[in-house]
Protein backbone atom coordinates (compact mmCIF):
# COMPACT_ATOMS: atom_id res chain seq x y z
CA MET A 1 0.00 0.00 0.00
CA GLY A 2 1.08 3.56 -0.55
CA ARG A 3 2.71 2.92 -3.90
CA GLY A 4 -0.05 4.79 -5.73
CA ARG A 5 0.61 8.03 -3.91
CA ALA A 6 4.36 7.88 -4.56
CA LYS A 7 3.82 7.05 -8.22
CA ALA A 8 1.33 9.90 -8.60
CA LYS A 9 3.84 12.34 -7.14
CA GLN A 10 6.58 11.09 -9.46
CA THR A 11 4.25 11.45 -12.43
CA LYS A 12 3.34 14.98 -11.36
CA VAL A 13 7.00 15.98 -11.06
CA ALA A 14 7.84 14.36 -14.39
CA ARG A 15 5.04 16.23 -16.16
CA ARG A 16 6.10 19.51 -14.58
CA LEU A 17 9.69 19.01 -15.77
CA LYS A 18 8.58 17.94 -19.23
CA TYR A 19 6.06 20.68 -19.98
CA HIS A 20 7.01 23.62 -17.78
CA THR A 21 9.97 25.74 -18.74
CA PRO A 22 11.52 27.24 -15.63
CA GLU A 23 12.72 30.82 -15.74
CA MET A 24 16.48 31.04 -15.91
CA ASP A 25 18.54 33.97 -14.78
CA LEU A 26 21.31 33.68 -17.35
CA ASP A 27 23.09 36.79 -16.09
CA SER A 28 23.57 35.32 -12.63
CA LEU A 29 24.66 32.02 -14.18
CA GLN A 30 27.25 33.83 -16.27
CA ARG A 31 28.53 35.71 -13.20
CA GLU A 32 28.76 32.49 -11.25
CA LEU A 33 30.65 30.67 -13.97
CA ALA A 34 32.97 33.57 -14.78
CA GLY A 35 33.81 34.27 -11.14
CA LYS A 36 35.54 30.97 -10.50
CA ALA A 37 38.81 30.05 -12.14
CA PRO A 38 39.36 26.41 -12.98
CA THR A 39 41.40 24.67 -10.34
CA SER A 40 44.14 22.25 -11.19
CA HIS A 41 44.57 19.33 -8.84
CA SER A 42 47.33 17.66 -10.81
CA ASP A 43 50.04 18.77 -8.40
CA ASP A 44 48.02 17.39 -5.47
CA TYR A 45 47.74 13.95 -7.07
CA ASP A 46 49.06 11.06 -5.06
CA GLU A 47 49.56 7.69 -6.69
CA TYR A 48 47.72 6.05 -3.79
CA ASP A 49 44.61 8.23 -4.01
CA ASP A 50 42.82 5.66 -6.15
CA ASP A 51 43.76 2.75 -3.87
CA PRO A 52 41.03 2.13 -1.30
CA TYR A 53 43.47 0.19 0.90
CA ALA A 54 46.27 2.79 0.94
CA GLN A 55 45.24 4.00 4.38
CA TYR A 56 46.05 0.54 5.76
CA ALA A 57 49.55 0.27 4.26
CA HIS A 58 51.24 1.26 7.51
CA TYR A 59 49.79 -1.86 9.18
CA ASN A 60 51.59 -4.01 6.65
CA ASP A 61 54.90 -2.37 7.50
CA ALA A 62 54.33 -2.56 11.26
CA TYR A 63 53.42 -6.25 11.34
CA ASP A 64 55.60 -7.50 8.50
CA ASP A 65 58.27 -8.84 10.87
CA TRP A 66 55.69 -11.03 12.64
CA ASP A 67 55.56 -13.33 9.62
CA ASP A 68 59.33 -13.70 9.62
CA GLU A 69 59.45 -14.53 13.34
CA GLY A 70 56.65 -17.09 12.95
CA GLU A 71 58.46 -18.88 10.15
CA ALA A 72 61.71 -18.95 12.12
CA ASN A 73 59.96 -20.45 15.16
CA ALA A 74 58.22 -23.05 12.99
CA ARG A 75 61.55 -24.18 11.50
CA GLN A 76 63.14 -24.61 14.93
CA ALA A 77 60.35 -26.85 16.21
């Protein structure tokens, strides 16, 4: 239940967007677009930015010697 009301609202919004032309203030749009210079983030790029696990890399370094100690103890036994 309740799907009819949601669908009716979506239909109403879709019709309004399709048939009604909103008034645009092109002067304010031009001011907004002209006021901001394009920013370049190329110098801020880090090769690990795209890696979702980069924030956990320090754990690998901190606990890396545990594997070596475990293997050495296993060989002695």
